[in-house]
Amino acid sequence: MRLIALLTIYNADDSTRLRAFIAGSLHADLLAHADADTRVAGLSALRTEIGKLRVRQVVGAAKEQVIVILASERADDALIELRVDADYPHPITELGINRLGQPTDSPAT
């Protein structure tokens, strides 16, 4: 469900809602590495470059992890990996978005 919420807000291009989602959903360790504003800036830059994203194919899914290929509006597909903590409220402990066919560095990770 976190992935669907993230994609819905990302596609709406609403940085205020995206920041609130990131600040409220990411584990504190992830936010210590890159704060919500930095992550929003990276995702906004990604959206400007490749457009909206939609699920193309679920590559793998487990209780606390999902790996999905995303189709982009204007560029190559992207791969997202999202993992949540097993304990409630299940904060996101890993979030990586990489464009397929591009270097692995992503402004959103």
N, C-alpha and C. Protein backbone atom coordinates (compact mmCIF):
# COMPACT_ATOMS: atom_id res chain seq x y z
N MET A 1 0.82 -1.20 0.00
CA MET A 1 0.00 0.00 0.00
C MET A 1 0.86 1.27 0.00
N ARG A 2 2.02 1.21 0.64
CA ARG A 2 2.90 2.39 0.66
C ARG A 2 3.35 2.76 -0.74
N LEU A 3 3.61 1.76 -1.57
CA LEU A 3 4.04 2.03 -2.94
C LEU A 3 2.93 2.73 -3.72
N ILE A 4 1.72 2.26 -3.59
CA ILE A 4 0.59 2.87 -4.30
C ILE A 4 0.39 4.31 -3.83
N ALA A 5 0.48 4.53 -2.53
CA ALA A 5 0.34 5.89 -2.00
C ALA A 5 1.44 6.79 -2.54
N LEU A 6 2.68 6.30 -2.53
CA LEU A 6 3.80 7.09 -3.03
C LEU A 6 3.61 7.44 -4.50
N LEU A 7 3.24 6.46 -5.33
CA LEU A 7 3.05 6.73 -6.75
C LEU A 7 1.90 7.69 -7.01
N THR A 8 0.82 7.55 -6.26
CA THR A 8 -0.33 8.44 -6.42
C THR A 8 0.06 9.88 -6.13
N ILE A 9 0.77 10.10 -5.06
CA ILE A 9 1.18 11.46 -4.69
C ILE A 9 2.24 11.98 -5.66
N TYR A 10 3.20 11.14 -6.03
CA TYR A 10 4.23 11.51 -7.01
C TYR A 10 3.57 11.95 -8.32
N ASN A 11 2.62 11.17 -8.81
CA ASN A 11 1.97 11.47 -10.08
C ASN A 11 1.10 12.72 -10.02
N ALA A 12 0.61 13.06 -8.83
CA ALA A 12 -0.21 14.27 -8.67
C ALA A 12 0.65 15.53 -8.71
N ASP A 13 1.96 15.37 -8.60
CA ASP A 13 2.91 16.49 -8.62
C ASP A 13 2.57 17.51 -7.52
N ASP A 14 2.33 16.98 -6.32
CA ASP A 14 1.99 17.81 -5.16
C ASP A 14 3.12 17.69 -4.13
N SER A 15 4.05 18.64 -4.18
CA SER A 15 5.23 18.54 -3.32
C SER A 15 4.90 18.65 -1.84
N THR A 16 3.85 19.35 -1.48
CA THR A 16 3.45 19.46 -0.07
C THR A 16 2.98 18.11 0.46
N ARG A 17 2.13 17.45 -0.29
CA ARG A 17 1.65 16.12 0.12
C ARG A 17 2.78 15.10 0.06
N LEU A 18 3.66 15.22 -0.94
CA LEU A 18 4.78 14.30 -1.05
C LEU A 18 5.72 14.44 0.15
N ARG A 19 6.00 15.67 0.54
CA ARG A 19 6.85 15.89 1.71
C ARG A 19 6.21 15.31 2.97
N ALA A 20 4.91 15.51 3.15
CA ALA A 20 4.20 14.98 4.31
C ALA A 20 4.24 13.45 4.31
N PHE A 21 4.06 12.86 3.14
CA PHE A 21 4.10 11.39 3.05
C PHE A 21 5.49 10.88 3.42
N ILE A 22 6.51 11.48 2.85
CA ILE A 22 7.89 11.05 3.11
C ILE A 22 8.25 11.23 4.58
N ALA A 23 7.94 12.39 5.12
CA ALA A 23 8.26 12.66 6.53
C ALA A 23 7.53 11.71 7.47
N GLY A 24 6.32 11.32 7.10
CA GLY A 24 5.53 10.46 7.97
C GLY A 24 5.69 8.97 7.72
N SER A 25 6.29 8.60 6.59
CA SER A 25 6.35 7.19 6.22
C SER A 25 7.74 6.57 6.24
N LEU A 26 8.77 7.39 6.09
CA LEU A 26 10.13 6.85 6.06
C LEU A 26 10.68 6.68 7.47
N HIS A 27 11.43 5.62 7.65
CA HIS A 27 12.11 5.36 8.92
C HIS A 27 13.08 6.50 9.23
N ALA A 28 13.28 6.78 10.49
CA ALA A 28 14.16 7.87 10.90
C ALA A 28 15.58 7.71 10.36
N ASP A 29 16.06 6.47 10.24
CA ASP A 29 17.40 6.24 9.69
C ASP A 29 17.52 6.72 8.24
N LEU A 30 16.47 6.49 7.45
CA LEU A 30 16.48 6.97 6.06
C LEU A 30 16.44 8.50 6.01
N LEU A 31 15.65 9.09 6.87
CA LEU A 31 15.55 10.55 6.90
C LEU A 31 16.83 11.19 7.42
N ALA A 32 17.58 10.48 8.25
CA ALA A 32 18.86 10.99 8.72
C ALA A 32 19.88 11.01 7.57
N HIS A 33 19.76 10.05 6.67
CA HIS A 33 20.65 9.98 5.51
C HIS A 33 20.33 11.07 4.49
N ALA A 34 19.05 11.29 4.24
CA ALA A 34 18.58 12.35 3.33
C ALA A 34 17.21 12.78 3.82
N ASP A 35 17.10 14.04 4.23
CA ASP A 35 15.84 14.50 4.84
C ASP A 35 14.71 14.59 3.81
N ALA A 36 13.51 14.85 4.29
CA ALA A 36 12.33 14.87 3.44
C ALA A 36 12.45 15.89 2.32
N ASP A 37 12.98 17.07 2.60
CA ASP A 37 13.11 18.09 1.57
C ASP A 37 14.05 17.64 0.45
N THR A 38 15.14 17.00 0.80
CA THR A 38 16.09 16.48 -0.19
C THR A 38 15.44 15.41 -1.04
N ARG A 39 14.68 14.53 -0.41
CA ARG A 39 14.01 13.46 -1.15
C ARG A 39 12.92 14.01 -2.06
N VAL A 40 12.18 15.00 -1.60
CA VAL A 40 11.14 15.62 -2.44
C VAL A 40 11.79 16.29 -3.64
N ALA A 41 12.89 16.98 -3.42
CA ALA A 41 13.60 17.63 -4.53
C ALA A 41 14.05 16.58 -5.56
N GLY A 42 14.55 15.46 -5.10
CA GLY A 42 14.98 14.40 -6.02
C GLY A 42 13.82 13.81 -6.79
N LEU A 43 12.72 13.55 -6.10
CA LEU A 43 11.55 13.00 -6.78
C LEU A 43 10.93 14.01 -7.74
N SER A 44 10.94 15.27 -7.38
CA SER A 44 10.40 16.31 -8.26
C SER A 44 11.26 16.43 -9.52
N ALA A 45 12.57 16.35 -9.36
CA ALA A 45 13.46 16.40 -10.52
C ALA A 45 13.24 15.18 -11.41
N LEU A 46 13.05 14.03 -10.80
CA LEU A 46 12.78 12.81 -11.55
C LEU A 46 11.48 12.95 -12.33
N ARG A 47 10.44 13.49 -11.69
CA ARG A 47 9.14 13.65 -12.35
C ARG A 47 9.25 14.62 -13.52
N THR A 48 10.01 15.70 -13.34
CA THR A 48 10.21 16.66 -14.42
C THR A 48 10.89 15.99 -15.61
N GLU A 49 11.84 15.13 -15.31
CA GLU A 49 12.62 14.47 -16.37
C GLU A 49 11.86 13.35 -17.07
N ILE A 50 11.20 12.47 -16.30
CA ILE A 50 10.60 11.28 -16.92
C ILE A 50 9.08 11.24 -16.86
N GLY A 51 8.46 12.15 -16.14
CA GLY A 51 7.00 12.20 -16.09
C GLY A 51 6.41 11.25 -15.08
N LYS A 52 5.13 11.01 -15.26
CA LYS A 52 4.39 10.14 -14.35
C LYS A 52 4.88 8.70 -14.47
N LEU A 53 4.63 7.93 -13.41
CA LEU A 53 5.02 6.52 -13.36
C LEU A 53 3.79 5.67 -13.10
N ARG A 54 3.79 4.49 -13.71
CA ARG A 54 2.73 3.52 -13.42
C ARG A 54 3.36 2.13 -13.33
N VAL A 55 2.72 1.26 -12.61
CA VAL A 55 3.23 -0.10 -12.44
C VAL A 55 3.15 -0.84 -13.78
N ARG A 56 4.29 -1.35 -14.21
CA ARG A 56 4.33 -2.18 -15.43
C ARG A 56 4.32 -3.66 -15.03
N GLN A 57 5.16 -4.01 -14.03
CA GLN A 57 5.28 -5.42 -13.65
C GLN A 57 5.82 -5.53 -12.23
N VAL A 58 5.22 -6.38 -11.44
CA VAL A 58 5.74 -6.71 -10.13
C VAL A 58 6.79 -7.80 -10.34
N VAL A 59 8.03 -7.49 -9.97
CA VAL A 59 9.13 -8.43 -10.15
C VAL A 59 9.20 -9.38 -8.96
N GLY A 60 8.98 -8.84 -7.78
CA GLY A 60 9.03 -9.66 -6.58
C GLY A 60 8.23 -9.00 -5.47
N ALA A 61 7.62 -9.83 -4.66
CA ALA A 61 6.85 -9.31 -3.53
C ALA A 61 6.96 -10.28 -2.37
N ALA A 62 7.16 -9.72 -1.21
CA ALA A 62 7.19 -10.48 0.03
C ALA A 62 6.40 -9.68 1.06
N LYS A 63 6.32 -10.20 2.24
CA LYS A 63 5.51 -9.55 3.26
C LYS A 63 5.94 -8.10 3.51
N GLU A 64 7.24 -7.85 3.54
CA GLU A 64 7.73 -6.51 3.85
C GLU A 64 8.51 -5.86 2.71
N GLN A 65 8.45 -6.41 1.51
CA GLN A 65 9.25 -5.87 0.42
C GLN A 65 8.54 -6.04 -0.91
N VAL A 66 8.76 -5.07 -1.80
CA VAL A 66 8.24 -5.18 -3.15
C VAL A 66 9.27 -4.59 -4.12
N ILE A 67 9.42 -5.25 -5.26
CA ILE A 67 10.28 -4.76 -6.33
C ILE A 67 9.41 -4.69 -7.58
N VAL A 68 9.35 -3.51 -8.18
CA VAL A 68 8.41 -3.28 -9.27
C VAL A 68 9.09 -2.53 -10.41
N ILE A 69 8.78 -2.93 -11.64
CA ILE A 69 9.19 -2.16 -12.80
C ILE A 69 8.08 -1.15 -13.08
N LEU A 70 8.48 0.10 -13.22
CA LEU A 70 7.54 1.19 -13.47
C LEU A 70 7.71 1.71 -14.88
N ALA A 71 6.61 1.92 -15.57
CA ALA A 71 6.64 2.55 -16.89
C ALA A 71 6.59 4.05 -16.69
N SER A 72 7.47 4.76 -17.39
CA SER A 72 7.47 6.22 -17.26
C SER A 72 6.78 6.84 -18.47
N GLU A 73 6.34 8.04 -18.26
CA GLU A 73 5.59 8.76 -19.28
C GLU A 73 6.47 9.18 -20.46
N ARG A 74 7.74 9.55 -20.18
CA ARG A 74 8.57 10.14 -21.23
C ARG A 74 9.95 9.52 -21.38
N ALA A 75 10.26 8.45 -20.69
CA ALA A 75 11.63 7.93 -20.75
C ALA A 75 11.62 6.42 -20.53
N ASP A 76 12.82 5.89 -20.27
CA ASP A 76 12.97 4.47 -19.99
C ASP A 76 12.18 4.10 -18.73
N ASP A 77 11.94 2.81 -18.60
CA ASP A 77 11.30 2.31 -17.39
C ASP A 77 12.20 2.56 -16.18
N ALA A 78 11.62 2.42 -15.01
CA ALA A 78 12.35 2.56 -13.76
C ALA A 78 12.08 1.34 -12.90
N LEU A 79 12.98 1.08 -11.98
CA LEU A 79 12.83 -0.01 -11.03
C LEU A 79 12.75 0.60 -9.64
N ILE A 80 11.75 0.21 -8.88
CA ILE A 80 11.63 0.69 -7.51
C ILE A 80 11.67 -0.51 -6.57
N GLU A 81 12.43 -0.34 -5.50
CA GLU A 81 12.46 -1.34 -4.44
C GLU A 81 12.06 -0.64 -3.16
N LEU A 82 11.06 -1.18 -2.50
CA LEU A 82 10.54 -0.59 -1.27
C LEU A 82 10.43 -1.69 -0.23
N ARG A 83 10.98 -1.42 0.94
CA ARG A 83 10.93 -2.37 2.06
C ARG A 83 10.41 -1.63 3.28
N VAL A 84 9.57 -2.29 4.05
CA VAL A 84 9.05 -1.70 5.28
C VAL A 84 9.47 -2.52 6.48
N ASP A 85 9.46 -1.88 7.64
CA ASP A 85 9.75 -2.56 8.90
C ASP A 85 8.60 -3.52 9.22
N ALA A 86 8.92 -4.64 9.81
CA ALA A 86 7.91 -5.64 10.15
C ALA A 86 6.96 -5.15 11.23
N ASP A 87 7.43 -4.23 12.07
CA ASP A 87 6.61 -3.77 13.19
C ASP A 87 5.78 -2.55 12.81
N TYR A 88 4.55 -2.53 13.34
CA TYR A 88 3.65 -1.40 13.14
C TYR A 88 4.31 -0.13 13.67
N PRO A 89 4.24 0.98 12.99
CA PRO A 89 3.40 1.32 11.84
C PRO A 89 4.05 1.06 10.49
N HIS A 90 4.98 0.14 10.42
CA HIS A 90 5.62 -0.29 9.18
C HIS A 90 6.26 0.85 8.39
N PRO A 91 7.19 1.59 9.03
CA PRO A 91 7.86 2.66 8.28
C PRO A 91 8.71 2.07 7.15
N ILE A 92 8.88 2.85 6.11
CA ILE A 92 9.70 2.44 4.98
C ILE A 92 11.16 2.45 5.42
N THR A 93 11.83 1.31 5.28
CA THR A 93 13.23 1.20 5.69
C THR A 93 14.18 1.20 4.50
N GLU A 94 13.65 1.00 3.31
CA GLU A 94 14.48 1.05 2.11
C GLU A 94 13.61 1.56 0.96
N LEU A 95 14.15 2.52 0.23
CA LEU A 95 13.44 3.07 -0.92
C LEU A 95 14.48 3.41 -1.97
N GLY A 96 14.44 2.71 -3.07
CA GLY A 96 15.36 2.98 -4.16
C GLY A 96 14.62 3.04 -5.47
N ILE A 97 14.88 4.07 -6.24
CA ILE A 97 14.29 4.21 -7.58
C ILE A 97 15.44 4.43 -8.54
N ASN A 98 15.54 3.56 -9.52
CA ASN A 98 16.59 3.66 -10.53
C ASN A 98 15.99 3.52 -11.91
N ARG A 99 16.42 4.38 -12.80
CA ARG A 99 16.00 4.27 -14.19
C ARG A 99 16.73 3.10 -14.82
N LEU A 100 16.00 2.27 -15.53
CA LEU A 100 16.61 1.15 -16.22
C LEU A 100 17.33 1.69 -17.45
N GLY A 101 18.52 1.17 -17.69
CA GLY A 101 19.31 1.66 -18.80
C GLY A 101 20.10 2.92 -18.48
N GLN A 102 20.09 3.32 -17.22
CA GLN A 102 20.80 4.52 -16.78
C GLN A 102 21.74 4.14 -15.64
N PRO A 103 22.69 5.02 -15.27
CA PRO A 103 23.51 4.76 -14.09
C PRO A 103 22.63 4.55 -12.87
N THR A 104 23.14 3.82 -11.87
CA THR A 104 22.33 3.47 -10.72
C THR A 104 22.10 4.59 -9.72
N ASP A 105 22.83 5.70 -9.83
CA ASP A 105 22.59 6.81 -8.91
C ASP A 105 21.26 7.47 -9.25
N SER A 106 20.46 7.70 -8.22
CA SER A 106 19.15 8.33 -8.41
C SER A 106 18.99 9.44 -7.40
N PRO A 107 18.44 10.58 -7.80
CA PRO A 107 18.24 11.66 -6.84
C PRO A 107 17.17 11.32 -5.81
N ALA A 108 16.39 10.28 -6.05
CA ALA A 108 15.32 9.94 -5.14
C ALA A 108 15.72 8.95 -4.06
N THR A 109 16.88 8.33 -4.19
CA THR A 109 17.27 7.31 -3.22
C THR A 109 18.07 7.90 -2.09
